[in-house]
Each structure stands twice: as C-alpha cells, then as structure tokens.
Amino acid sequence: MTLLIALLAGALVFVLFSPPWEGRRTYARRVEEMFSLETSQRLSETNPRSLDYRLMAGGVPLRPVTFRLCTIALGVAACALVWIFLPGVPAVAVGVVCFYAPHAWLADRVRGRGRTIDRLLPLAISRITAGILAGGSVVDLLAQVASSLASEGANPLAPELELAAKEMRSGDRTEALRRLAERSPSVSLGNLAQLLNSYLDVGGSSYGASLAEAGARMQEILTARGRAQAKAGDAVVTARIIPAALLLVLLYLSRDPLMHAAMSALPVQVVIGAAIALMAGGYLVMRSMVLEAA
C-alpha cells in the first residue's frame, strides 16, 4: 500500500511538474519569452516576494497553485517511498526536505538570472563607456547595447537595458535609472544604473572619464568573480554528493533485520531525522555561501 501511494504521488509530480517534450525551436522560443521585454515589464510590476514573481523570473511555466501542488505531491511521494525502508521520523524528514527542495531550486533559478547578468555586464559596460567617451547619448547607448546583446542570443540583460531606455525616452530619466537599480536582480547592474544617473546629473567629459574608470574597475571585479564561481563549483558538487551517499548507506543498512530493528527505535529515528535535516540545511547554507562569496 505504501509503495502504491509513492507511485501515485510520483506520477502526479511527473504529470504536473515535468515539462512537455519540445523540440529545439520550441525550447528556443521559450527562452526568448523568458528574456523578453514583456517579461521584464511584468516583473517590474510584480511583487518581488511573491511566488508569481519567482516563477516568472525563474522561467518556470507554472501557475503558483500548480507549483504548490507539485511540492506537496513530491514531499508525499518521497515520504511514502522512504517509509518502505525507514518508517517514522526519517521518512517524514525526507518528505519535508523534498517539499522544500523545489522552493530552494526556484530561488536558485532566480539568483541565476542575476549571475547571468553579471557574466554579460563586463561586455555591456565596455560598450557603454566607449560610447559615452565618444559623446553618445546614454539613452541611445542603452538601446544600442541592448540590441547588440539580444542579437548574440537571448539573455536577461538585454531586456533590462531596453526597458530602461524605453522608460527614459517616455519619462523622467533619473526615475527610469532608479527603477532599473531597484528591480535589477544584479547588484552590479544597480551600481551601473547609479553611475549613469550621476553622469546625467553632472555630465561633462571629465566625469565621462571617471565613469569609464569606474566601469573598468567593475569589469575587473566581475571577471574575477566569474573565475571564483567556476572554481567554487567543485565544492558545491561535493556538498551535494555527500548527503546523497549517506542517505543511500542508511537505506542499504536498513535492509538488515538487526539494523532495521535498531532504526525503528524512537531515539534513533529522531537522531537520523535530525541528521537528514542538518545535512540538507548545511548543503543549502554552504551553496549559498559559496555563490555569494564568489
């Protein structure tokens, strides 16, 4: 009966949560929609703390109610499956972890949008500063850089710059750059918006040179951060493998009658459940620290 519940819950997760099979053209169109001007406009009008915002920013084509149902089904399926080998507190702990895992994955997808912007920002800064030193208009430069980035492939930076240029043309330029800094998922892009705002307030060729120097320093920082993130990937992979290996060892040991009887005792179950929760929480904290430090 427990196995049947696990299979039914897993089937529900697969039906609701798994994306439909799609060809390369369909996938490319979805990526373009995710990084489009319309999506950036909708994100700027949506509460950043809402689940609807996180789903849009993460490129997950699900409604909030569907996503919540999927997380519940995933938690129930994991709990029922582990219950076969480790009934009691450990199964419940695994179910809670699997319930929370999609939310952590979605939050990482949203932060990934900012990391993608950081990877593209050095190129955008070099083009913007070169245009400013040549006497170009900030509005025109933002539109041109957005167009050039979009022509190189779908990315989240191009629509942000395009939306900022559109708002600067139709309204107050200072307010448009302030909105760009507020909605930006990248701190570096927000800093660039503040630099451009200061340039518009002061102007002049001397400040243009200062802006170019600040942009060059920002490029160096972003490039170094990219190299650090690449090196930190190994530590994240290790942190992911260790908890999974320990869980597999526990499931294997539970097949022995004596070990199964020992693990059925409530104190042992509490310890195992706490260890599972600590391993999952430790992985999330370690991953967040590694990515933020990089």
C-alpha atoms as a PDB file:
ATOM      1  CA  MET A   1       0.000   0.000   0.000  1.00  0.00           C
ATOM      2  CA  THR A   2       2.837   2.376   0.867  1.00  0.00           C
ATOM      3  CA  LEU A   3       4.565   1.649  -2.433  1.00  0.00           C
ATOM      4  CA  LEU A   4       1.308   2.302  -4.296  1.00  0.00           C
ATOM      5  CA  ILE A   5       0.940   5.700  -2.598  1.00  0.00           C
ATOM      6  CA  ALA A   6       4.524   6.579  -3.517  1.00  0.00           C
ATOM      7  CA  LEU A   7       3.980   5.562  -7.144  1.00  0.00           C
ATOM      8  CA  LEU A   8       0.732   7.552  -7.412  1.00  0.00           C
ATOM      9  CA  ALA A   9       2.292  10.648  -5.842  1.00  0.00           C
ATOM     10  CA  GLY A  10       5.340  10.324  -8.105  1.00  0.00           C
ATOM     11  CA  ALA A  11       3.082  10.023 -11.133  1.00  0.00           C
ATOM     12  CA  LEU A  12       1.278  13.196 -10.063  1.00  0.00           C
ATOM     13  CA  VAL A  13       4.593  15.042  -9.781  1.00  0.00           C
ATOM     14  CA  PHE A  14       5.639  13.812 -13.215  1.00  0.00           C
ATOM     15  CA  VAL A  15       2.349  14.826 -14.863  1.00  0.00           C
ATOM     16  CA  LEU A  16       2.166  18.268 -13.246  1.00  0.00           C
ATOM     17  CA  PHE A  17       5.807  19.234 -12.881  1.00  0.00           C
ATOM     18  CA  SER A  18       7.685  17.695 -15.787  1.00  0.00           C
ATOM     19  CA  PRO A  19       7.836  19.935 -18.874  1.00  0.00           C
ATOM     20  CA  PRO A  20       6.305  18.550 -22.036  1.00  0.00           C
ATOM     21  CA  TRP A  21       8.617  17.222 -24.685  1.00  0.00           C
ATOM     22  CA  GLU A  22       9.577  20.004 -27.019  1.00  0.00           C
ATOM     23  CA  GLY A  23      11.858  20.449 -29.958  1.00  0.00           C
ATOM     24  CA  ARG A  24      14.823  22.742 -30.181  1.00  0.00           C
ATOM     25  CA  ARG A  25      12.810  25.520 -31.819  1.00  0.00           C
ATOM     26  CA  THR A  26      10.105  25.405 -29.143  1.00  0.00           C
ATOM     27  CA  TYR A  27      12.710  25.494 -26.387  1.00  0.00           C
ATOM     28  CA  ALA A  28      14.476  28.436 -28.028  1.00  0.00           C
ATOM     29  CA  ARG A  29      11.160  30.291 -28.250  1.00  0.00           C
ATOM     30  CA  ARG A  30      10.518  29.691 -24.549  1.00  0.00           C
ATOM     31  CA  VAL A  31      13.957  31.046 -23.670  1.00  0.00           C
ATOM     32  CA  GLU A  32      13.292  34.149 -25.772  1.00  0.00           C
ATOM     33  CA  GLU A  33       9.959  34.663 -23.984  1.00  0.00           C
ATOM     34  CA  MET A  34      11.680  34.298 -20.622  1.00  0.00           C
ATOM     35  CA  PHE A  35      14.207  37.009 -21.526  1.00  0.00           C
ATOM     36  CA  SER A  36      11.836  39.321 -23.391  1.00  0.00           C
ATOM     37  CA  LEU A  37      10.899  42.960 -22.833  1.00  0.00           C
ATOM     38  CA  GLU A  38       7.344  41.943 -21.908  1.00  0.00           C
ATOM     39  CA  THR A  39       8.641  39.628 -19.183  1.00  0.00           C
ATOM     40  CA  SER A  40      10.857  42.375 -17.759  1.00  0.00           C
ATOM     41  CA  GLN A  41       7.880  44.752 -17.710  1.00  0.00           C
ATOM     42  CA  ARG A  42       5.730  42.183 -15.902  1.00  0.00           C
ATOM     43  CA  LEU A  43       8.498  41.529 -13.393  1.00  0.00           C
ATOM     44  CA  SER A  44       8.844  45.250 -12.680  1.00  0.00           C
ATOM     45  CA  GLU A  45       5.093  45.396 -11.900  1.00  0.00           C
ATOM     46  CA  THR A  46       5.027  42.249  -9.705  1.00  0.00           C
ATOM     47  CA  ASN A  47       5.866  41.964  -6.024  1.00  0.00           C
ATOM     48  CA  PRO A  48       9.426  40.504  -5.847  1.00  0.00           C
ATOM     49  CA  ARG A  49       8.472  38.468  -2.759  1.00  0.00           C
ATOM     50  CA  SER A  50       5.541  36.729  -4.435  1.00  0.00           C
ATOM     51  CA  LEU A  51       5.688  33.209  -5.832  1.00  0.00           C
ATOM     52  CA  ASP A  52       4.356  34.500  -9.155  1.00  0.00           C
ATOM     53  CA  TYR A  53       7.435  36.743  -9.474  1.00  0.00           C
ATOM     54  CA  ARG A  54       9.834  33.891  -8.669  1.00  0.00           C
ATOM     55  CA  LEU A  55       8.178  31.609 -11.221  1.00  0.00           C
ATOM     56  CA  MET A  56       8.412  34.255 -13.953  1.00  0.00           C
ATOM     57  CA  ALA A  57      11.995  35.206 -13.081  1.00  0.00           C
ATOM     58  CA  GLY A  58      12.996  31.548 -12.941  1.00  0.00           C
ATOM     59  CA  GLY A  59      11.389  30.752 -16.291  1.00  0.00           C
ATOM     60  CA  VAL A  60       9.064  28.094 -14.818  1.00  0.00           C
ATOM     61  CA  PRO A  61       5.841  27.907 -16.906  1.00  0.00           C
ATOM     62  CA  LEU A  62       3.589  27.004 -13.965  1.00  0.00           C
ATOM     63  CA  ARG A  63       0.908  28.823 -12.007  1.00  0.00           C
ATOM     64  CA  PRO A  64       1.578  29.316  -8.283  1.00  0.00           C
ATOM     65  CA  VAL A  65      -1.184  26.899  -7.264  1.00  0.00           C
ATOM     66  CA  THR A  66       0.211  24.212  -9.589  1.00  0.00           C
ATOM     67  CA  PHE A  67       3.713  24.695  -8.215  1.00  0.00           C
ATOM     68  CA  ARG A  68       2.458  24.360  -4.639  1.00  0.00           C
ATOM     69  CA  LEU A  69       0.563  21.170  -5.510  1.00  0.00           C
ATOM     70  CA  CYS A  70       3.721  19.759  -7.090  1.00  0.00           C
ATOM     71  CA  THR A  71       5.800  20.458  -3.988  1.00  0.00           C
ATOM     72  CA  ILE A  72       3.191  18.764  -1.792  1.00  0.00           C
ATOM     73  CA  ALA A  73       2.997  15.748  -4.098  1.00  0.00           C
ATOM     74  CA  LEU A  74       6.790  15.486  -4.214  1.00  0.00           C
ATOM     75  CA  GLY A  75       7.027  15.562  -0.425  1.00  0.00           C
ATOM     76  CA  VAL A  76       4.330  12.907  -0.045  1.00  0.00           C
ATOM     77  CA  ALA A  77       5.938  10.680  -2.684  1.00  0.00           C
ATOM     78  CA  ALA A  78       9.390  10.923  -1.078  1.00  0.00           C
ATOM     79  CA  CYS A  79       7.977  10.271   2.391  1.00  0.00           C
ATOM     80  CA  ALA A  80       6.000   7.233   1.213  1.00  0.00           C
ATOM     81  CA  LEU A  81       8.967   5.807  -0.682  1.00  0.00           C
ATOM     82  CA  VAL A  82      11.445   6.162   2.196  1.00  0.00           C
ATOM     83  CA  TRP A  83       8.799   4.831   4.607  1.00  0.00           C
ATOM     84  CA  ILE A  84       9.258   1.410   2.984  1.00  0.00           C
ATOM     85  CA  PHE A  85      12.876   1.277   4.205  1.00  0.00           C
ATOM     86  CA  LEU A  86      12.972   3.717   7.147  1.00  0.00           C
ATOM     87  CA  PRO A  87       9.473   4.246   8.543  1.00  0.00           C
ATOM     88  CA  GLY A  88       8.806   7.011  11.011  1.00  0.00           C
ATOM     89  CA  VAL A  89      10.760  10.198  11.636  1.00  0.00           C
ATOM     90  CA  PRO A  90      13.427   9.686   8.896  1.00  0.00           C
ATOM     91  CA  ALA A  91      10.744   9.279   6.208  1.00  0.00           C
ATOM     92  CA  VAL A  92       8.950  12.406   7.404  1.00  0.00           C
ATOM     93  CA  ALA A  93      12.261  14.320   7.418  1.00  0.00           C
ATOM     94  CA  VAL A  94      12.986  13.270   3.835  1.00  0.00           C
ATOM     95  CA  GLY A  95       9.458  14.276   2.844  1.00  0.00           C
ATOM     96  CA  VAL A  96       9.891  17.739   4.372  1.00  0.00           C
ATOM     97  CA  VAL A  97      13.249  18.174   2.640  1.00  0.00           C
ATOM     98  CA  CYS A  98      11.764  17.155  -0.718  1.00  0.00           C
ATOM     99  CA  PHE A  99       8.833  19.505  -0.125  1.00  0.00           C
ATOM    100  CA  TYR A 100      11.234  22.406   0.395  1.00  0.00           C
ATOM    101  CA  ALA A 101      13.687  21.404  -2.365  1.00  0.00           C
ATOM    102  CA  PRO A 102      11.638  22.854  -5.295  1.00  0.00           C
ATOM    103  CA  HIS A 103      11.438  26.216  -3.485  1.00  0.00           C
ATOM    104  CA  ALA A 104      15.218  26.221  -2.983  1.00  0.00           C
ATOM    105  CA  TRP A 105      15.700  25.229  -6.634  1.00  0.00           C
ATOM    106  CA  LEU A 106      13.391  28.053  -7.757  1.00  0.00           C
ATOM    107  CA  ALA A 107      15.212  30.595  -5.574  1.00  0.00           C
ATOM    108  CA  ASP A 108      18.489  29.472  -7.133  1.00  0.00           C
ATOM    109  CA  ARG A 109      16.983  29.912 -10.612  1.00  0.00           C
ATOM    110  CA  VAL A 110      16.017  33.479  -9.707  1.00  0.00           C
ATOM    111  CA  ARG A 111      19.532  34.199  -8.393  1.00  0.00           C
ATOM    112  CA  GLY A 112      20.881  32.602 -11.555  1.00  0.00           C
ATOM    113  CA  ARG A 113      19.204  35.391 -13.515  1.00  0.00           C
ATOM    114  CA  GLY A 114      21.381  37.886 -11.667  1.00  0.00           C
ATOM    115  CA  ARG A 115      24.502  35.766 -12.150  1.00  0.00           C
ATOM    116  CA  THR A 116      23.820  35.622 -15.892  1.00  0.00           C
ATOM    117  CA  ILE A 117      23.582  39.417 -15.938  1.00  0.00           C
ATOM    118  CA  ASP A 118      26.904  39.636 -14.089  1.00  0.00           C
ATOM    119  CA  ARG A 119      28.565  37.457 -16.723  1.00  0.00           C
ATOM    120  CA  LEU A 120      27.375  39.734 -19.535  1.00  0.00           C
ATOM    121  CA  LEU A 121      27.826  43.027 -17.729  1.00  0.00           C
ATOM    122  CA  PRO A 122      31.571  43.500 -18.413  1.00  0.00           C
ATOM    123  CA  LEU A 123      30.899  43.469 -22.152  1.00  0.00           C
ATOM    124  CA  ALA A 124      27.956  45.855 -21.766  1.00  0.00           C
ATOM    125  CA  ILE A 125      29.979  48.236 -19.578  1.00  0.00           C
ATOM    126  CA  SER A 126      32.817  48.378 -22.087  1.00  0.00           C
ATOM    127  CA  ARG A 127      30.400  49.271 -24.895  1.00  0.00           C
ATOM    128  CA  ILE A 128      28.539  51.872 -22.817  1.00  0.00           C
ATOM    129  CA  THR A 129      31.681  53.605 -21.549  1.00  0.00           C
ATOM    130  CA  ALA A 130      33.216  53.632 -25.027  1.00  0.00           C
ATOM    131  CA  GLY A 131      30.067  55.265 -26.373  1.00  0.00           C
ATOM    132  CA  ILE A 132      29.999  57.861 -23.585  1.00  0.00           C
ATOM    133  CA  LEU A 133      33.640  58.798 -24.201  1.00  0.00           C
ATOM    134  CA  ALA A 134      32.732  59.206 -27.886  1.00  0.00           C
ATOM    135  CA  GLY A 135      29.985  61.670 -26.911  1.00  0.00           C
ATOM    136  CA  GLY A 136      26.982  59.387 -27.282  1.00  0.00           C
ATOM    137  CA  SER A 137      23.660  59.772 -25.506  1.00  0.00           C
ATOM    138  CA  VAL A 138      23.006  57.454 -22.538  1.00  0.00           C
ATOM    139  CA  VAL A 139      19.517  56.607 -23.818  1.00  0.00           C
ATOM    140  CA  ASP A 140      20.749  55.732 -27.293  1.00  0.00           C
ATOM    141  CA  LEU A 141      23.705  53.772 -25.895  1.00  0.00           C
ATOM    142  CA  LEU A 142      21.463  51.653 -23.647  1.00  0.00           C
ATOM    143  CA  ALA A 143      19.196  50.871 -26.592  1.00  0.00           C
ATOM    144  CA  GLN A 144      22.133  50.043 -28.869  1.00  0.00           C
ATOM    145  CA  VAL A 145      23.842  47.806 -26.294  1.00  0.00           C
ATOM    146  CA  ALA A 146      20.548  46.049 -25.597  1.00  0.00           C
ATOM    147  CA  SER A 147      20.068  45.421 -29.305  1.00  0.00           C
ATOM    148  CA  SER A 148      23.619  44.124 -29.756  1.00  0.00           C
ATOM    149  CA  LEU A 149      23.315  41.773 -26.763  1.00  0.00           C
ATOM    150  CA  ALA A 150      19.957  40.484 -27.955  1.00  0.00           C
ATOM    151  CA  SER A 151      21.403  39.741 -31.387  1.00  0.00           C
ATOM    152  CA  GLU A 152      24.012  37.497 -29.738  1.00  0.00           C
ATOM    153  CA  GLY A 153      21.349  35.338 -28.078  1.00  0.00           C
ATOM    154  CA  ALA A 154      18.522  35.511 -25.550  1.00  0.00           C
ATOM    155  CA  ASN A 155      19.732  36.833 -22.190  1.00  0.00           C
ATOM    156  CA  PRO A 156      18.236  38.697 -19.187  1.00  0.00           C
ATOM    157  CA  LEU A 157      20.425  41.807 -19.518  1.00  0.00           C
ATOM    158  CA  ALA A 158      19.219  42.957 -22.933  1.00  0.00           C
ATOM    159  CA  PRO A 159      15.521  43.439 -21.967  1.00  0.00           C
ATOM    160  CA  GLU A 160      16.509  45.237 -18.755  1.00  0.00           C
ATOM    161  CA  LEU A 161      18.576  47.777 -20.691  1.00  0.00           C
ATOM    162  CA  GLU A 162      15.906  48.046 -23.384  1.00  0.00           C
ATOM    163  CA  LEU A 163      13.190  48.696 -20.797  1.00  0.00           C
ATOM    164  CA  ALA A 164      15.363  51.338 -19.110  1.00  0.00           C
ATOM    165  CA  ALA A 165      15.933  53.092 -22.457  1.00  0.00           C
ATOM    166  CA  LYS A 166      12.208  52.960 -23.220  1.00  0.00           C
ATOM    167  CA  GLU A 167      11.304  54.469 -19.842  1.00  0.00           C
ATOM    168  CA  MET A 168      13.969  57.167 -20.207  1.00  0.00           C
ATOM    169  CA  ARG A 169      12.517  58.216 -23.558  1.00  0.00           C
ATOM    170  CA  SER A 170       8.928  58.335 -22.290  1.00  0.00           C
ATOM    171  CA  GLY A 171       9.506  59.804 -18.835  1.00  0.00           C
ATOM    172  CA  ASP A 172      11.995  61.136 -16.338  1.00  0.00           C
ATOM    173  CA  ARG A 173      15.484  59.772 -16.982  1.00  0.00           C
ATOM    174  CA  THR A 174      16.545  59.830 -13.348  1.00  0.00           C
ATOM    175  CA  GLU A 175      13.436  57.934 -12.307  1.00  0.00           C
ATOM    176  CA  ALA A 176      13.949  55.365 -15.075  1.00  0.00           C
ATOM    177  CA  LEU A 177      17.502  54.617 -13.915  1.00  0.00           C
ATOM    178  CA  ARG A 178      16.339  54.470 -10.297  1.00  0.00           C
ATOM    179  CA  ARG A 179      13.702  51.892 -11.281  1.00  0.00           C
ATOM    180  CA  LEU A 180      16.384  49.894 -13.112  1.00  0.00           C
ATOM    181  CA  ALA A 181      18.537  49.836  -9.966  1.00  0.00           C
ATOM    182  CA  GLU A 182      15.581  48.778  -7.789  1.00  0.00           C
ATOM    183  CA  ARG A 183      14.292  45.935  -9.964  1.00  0.00           C
ATOM    184  CA  SER A 184      17.700  44.643 -11.026  1.00  0.00           C
ATOM    185  CA  PRO A 185      18.468  41.080  -9.840  1.00  0.00           C
ATOM    186  CA  SER A 186      22.159  42.035 -10.067  1.00  0.00           C
ATOM    187  CA  VAL A 187      23.806  44.400  -7.600  1.00  0.00           C
ATOM    188  CA  SER A 188      26.416  45.279 -10.224  1.00  0.00           C
ATOM    189  CA  LEU A 189      23.722  46.355 -12.703  1.00  0.00           C
ATOM    190  CA  GLY A 190      22.189  48.506  -9.971  1.00  0.00           C
ATOM    191  CA  ASN A 191      25.584  50.130  -9.389  1.00  0.00           C
ATOM    192  CA  LEU A 192      25.904  50.810 -13.114  1.00  0.00           C
ATOM    193  CA  ALA A 193      22.497  52.476 -13.103  1.00  0.00           C
ATOM    194  CA  GLN A 194      23.611  54.720 -10.217  1.00  0.00           C
ATOM    195  CA  LEU A 195      26.803  55.635 -12.085  1.00  0.00           C
ATOM    196  CA  LEU A 196      24.818  56.549 -15.196  1.00  0.00           C
ATOM    197  CA  ASN A 197      22.405  58.561 -13.078  1.00  0.00           C
ATOM    198  CA  SER A 198      25.300  60.534 -11.596  1.00  0.00           C
ATOM    199  CA  TYR A 199      26.706  61.089 -15.084  1.00  0.00           C
ATOM    200  CA  LEU A 200      23.379  62.544 -16.248  1.00  0.00           C
ATOM    201  CA  ASP A 201      23.300  64.871 -13.224  1.00  0.00           C
ATOM    202  CA  VAL A 202      26.904  66.114 -13.599  1.00  0.00           C
ATOM    203  CA  GLY A 203      27.774  65.498 -17.250  1.00  0.00           C
ATOM    204  CA  GLY A 204      30.911  66.714 -18.913  1.00  0.00           C
ATOM    205  CA  SER A 205      33.874  64.959 -20.444  1.00  0.00           C
ATOM    206  CA  SER A 206      35.781  64.861 -17.131  1.00  0.00           C
ATOM    207  CA  TYR A 207      33.039  62.845 -15.444  1.00  0.00           C
ATOM    208  CA  GLY A 208      32.828  60.683 -18.552  1.00  0.00           C
ATOM    209  CA  ALA A 209      36.445  59.667 -17.973  1.00  0.00           C
ATOM    210  CA  SER A 210      35.689  58.952 -14.311  1.00  0.00           C
ATOM    211  CA  LEU A 211      32.735  56.831 -15.379  1.00  0.00           C
ATOM    212  CA  ALA A 212      34.990  54.901 -17.743  1.00  0.00           C
ATOM    213  CA  GLU A 213      37.475  54.240 -14.910  1.00  0.00           C
ATOM    214  CA  ALA A 214      34.679  53.077 -12.592  1.00  0.00           C
ATOM    215  CA  GLY A 215      33.347  50.842 -15.338  1.00  0.00           C
ATOM    216  CA  ALA A 216      36.789  49.341 -15.873  1.00  0.00           C
ATOM    217  CA  ARG A 217      37.124  48.544 -12.167  1.00  0.00           C
ATOM    218  CA  MET A 218      33.672  46.981 -12.175  1.00  0.00           C
ATOM    219  CA  GLN A 219      34.692  44.862 -15.162  1.00  0.00           C
ATOM    220  CA  GLU A 220      37.752  43.581 -13.304  1.00  0.00           C
ATOM    221  CA  ILE A 221      35.658  42.692 -10.242  1.00  0.00           C
ATOM    222  CA  LEU A 222      33.046  40.860 -12.310  1.00  0.00           C
ATOM    223  CA  THR A 223      35.689  38.949 -14.263  1.00  0.00           C
ATOM    224  CA  ALA A 224      37.412  37.849 -11.032  1.00  0.00           C
ATOM    225  CA  ARG A 225      34.031  36.853  -9.580  1.00  0.00           C
ATOM    226  CA  GLY A 226      33.303  34.711 -12.621  1.00  0.00           C
ATOM    227  CA  ARG A 227      36.586  32.831 -12.199  1.00  0.00           C
ATOM    228  CA  ALA A 228      35.869  32.316  -8.489  1.00  0.00           C
ATOM    229  CA  GLN A 229      32.401  30.946  -9.234  1.00  0.00           C
ATOM    230  CA  ALA A 230      33.862  28.439 -11.672  1.00  0.00           C
ATOM    231  CA  LYS A 231      36.306  27.193  -9.018  1.00  0.00           C
ATOM    232  CA  ALA A 232      33.577  27.085  -6.368  1.00  0.00           C
ATOM    233  CA  GLY A 233      31.510  24.708  -8.485  1.00  0.00           C
ATOM    234  CA  ASP A 234      33.618  21.735  -7.347  1.00  0.00           C
ATOM    235  CA  ALA A 235      32.856  22.431  -3.686  1.00  0.00           C
ATOM    236  CA  VAL A 236      29.127  22.639  -4.416  1.00  0.00           C
ATOM    237  CA  VAL A 237      29.190  19.296  -6.236  1.00  0.00           C
ATOM    238  CA  THR A 238      30.961  17.681  -3.274  1.00  0.00           C
ATOM    239  CA  ALA A 239      28.418  19.128  -0.858  1.00  0.00           C
ATOM    240  CA  ARG A 240      25.656  17.611  -2.983  1.00  0.00           C
ATOM    241  CA  ILE A 241      27.207  14.140  -3.228  1.00  0.00           C
ATOM    242  CA  ILE A 242      27.976  13.570   0.473  1.00  0.00           C
ATOM    243  CA  PRO A 243      24.380  13.803   1.829  1.00  0.00           C
ATOM    244  CA  ALA A 244      23.073  11.647  -1.029  1.00  0.00           C
ATOM    245  CA  ALA A 245      25.732   8.994  -0.363  1.00  0.00           C
ATOM    246  CA  LEU A 246      24.951   8.934   3.363  1.00  0.00           C
ATOM    247  CA  LEU A 247      21.231   8.541   2.657  1.00  0.00           C
ATOM    248  CA  LEU A 248      21.909   5.616   0.316  1.00  0.00           C
ATOM    249  CA  VAL A 249      24.063   3.977   3.010  1.00  0.00           C
ATOM    250  CA  LEU A 250      21.232   4.326   5.540  1.00  0.00           C
ATOM    251  CA  LEU A 251      18.740   2.790   3.116  1.00  0.00           C
ATOM    252  CA  TYR A 252      21.113  -0.099   2.442  1.00  0.00           C
ATOM    253  CA  LEU A 253      21.747  -0.750   6.144  1.00  0.00           C
ATOM    254  CA  SER A 254      18.015  -0.725   6.834  1.00  0.00           C
ATOM    255  CA  ARG A 255      17.703  -3.970   4.854  1.00  0.00           C
ATOM    256  CA  ASP A 256      19.480  -5.859   7.644  1.00  0.00           C
ATOM    257  CA  PRO A 257      16.915  -7.101  10.207  1.00  0.00           C
ATOM    258  CA  LEU A 258      19.011  -6.087  13.241  1.00  0.00           C
ATOM    259  CA  MET A 259      19.773  -2.637  11.839  1.00  0.00           C
ATOM    260  CA  HIS A 260      16.136  -2.199  10.836  1.00  0.00           C
ATOM    261  CA  ALA A 261      15.037  -3.042  14.365  1.00  0.00           C
ATOM    262  CA  ALA A 262      17.565  -0.612  15.829  1.00  0.00           C
ATOM    263  CA  MET A 263      16.483   2.146  13.466  1.00  0.00           C
ATOM    264  CA  SER A 264      12.861   1.620  14.452  1.00  0.00           C
ATOM    265  CA  ALA A 265      13.580   2.848  17.988  1.00  0.00           C
ATOM    266  CA  LEU A 266      12.277   6.388  18.509  1.00  0.00           C
ATOM    267  CA  PRO A 267      15.557   7.933  19.835  1.00  0.00           C
ATOM    268  CA  VAL A 268      17.485   6.532  16.858  1.00  0.00           C
ATOM    269  CA  GLN A 269      14.819   7.792  14.461  1.00  0.00           C
ATOM    270  CA  VAL A 270      14.975  11.271  15.973  1.00  0.00           C
ATOM    271  CA  VAL A 271      18.760  11.332  15.558  1.00  0.00           C
ATOM    272  CA  ILE A 272      18.559  10.103  11.950  1.00  0.00           C
ATOM    273  CA  GLY A 273      15.808  12.605  11.109  1.00  0.00           C
ATOM    274  CA  ALA A 274      17.798  15.455  12.658  1.00  0.00           C
ATOM    275  CA  ALA A 275      20.903  14.356  10.726  1.00  0.00           C
ATOM    276  CA  ILE A 276      18.956  14.360   7.449  1.00  0.00           C
ATOM    277  CA  ALA A 277      17.575  17.836   8.163  1.00  0.00           C
ATOM    278  CA  LEU A 278      21.019  19.161   9.150  1.00  0.00           C
ATOM    279  CA  MET A 279      22.656  17.699   6.036  1.00  0.00           C
ATOM    280  CA  ALA A 280      20.043  19.268   3.771  1.00  0.00           C
ATOM    281  CA  GLY A 281      20.204  22.610   5.584  1.00  0.00           C
ATOM    282  CA  GLY A 282      24.006  22.516   5.616  1.00  0.00           C
ATOM    283  CA  TYR A 283      24.110  21.931   1.880  1.00  0.00           C
ATOM    284  CA  LEU A 284      21.806  24.896   1.216  1.00  0.00           C
ATOM    285  CA  VAL A 285      23.804  27.167   3.526  1.00  0.00           C
ATOM    286  CA  MET A 286      27.108  26.053   2.025  1.00  0.00           C
ATOM    287  CA  ARG A 287      25.866  26.536  -1.521  1.00  0.00           C
ATOM    288  CA  SER A 288      24.542  29.997  -0.704  1.00  0.00           C
ATOM    289  CA  MET A 289      27.816  31.000   0.998  1.00  0.00           C
ATOM    290  CA  VAL A 290      29.941  29.716  -1.885  1.00  0.00           C
ATOM    291  CA  LEU A 291      27.885  31.502  -4.533  1.00  0.00           C
ATOM    292  CA  GLU A 292      27.628  34.739  -2.573  1.00  0.00           C
ATOM    293  CA  ALA A 293      31.326  34.738  -1.724  1.00  0.00           C
ATOM    294  CA  ALA A 294      32.173  34.168  -5.358  1.00  0.00           C
END
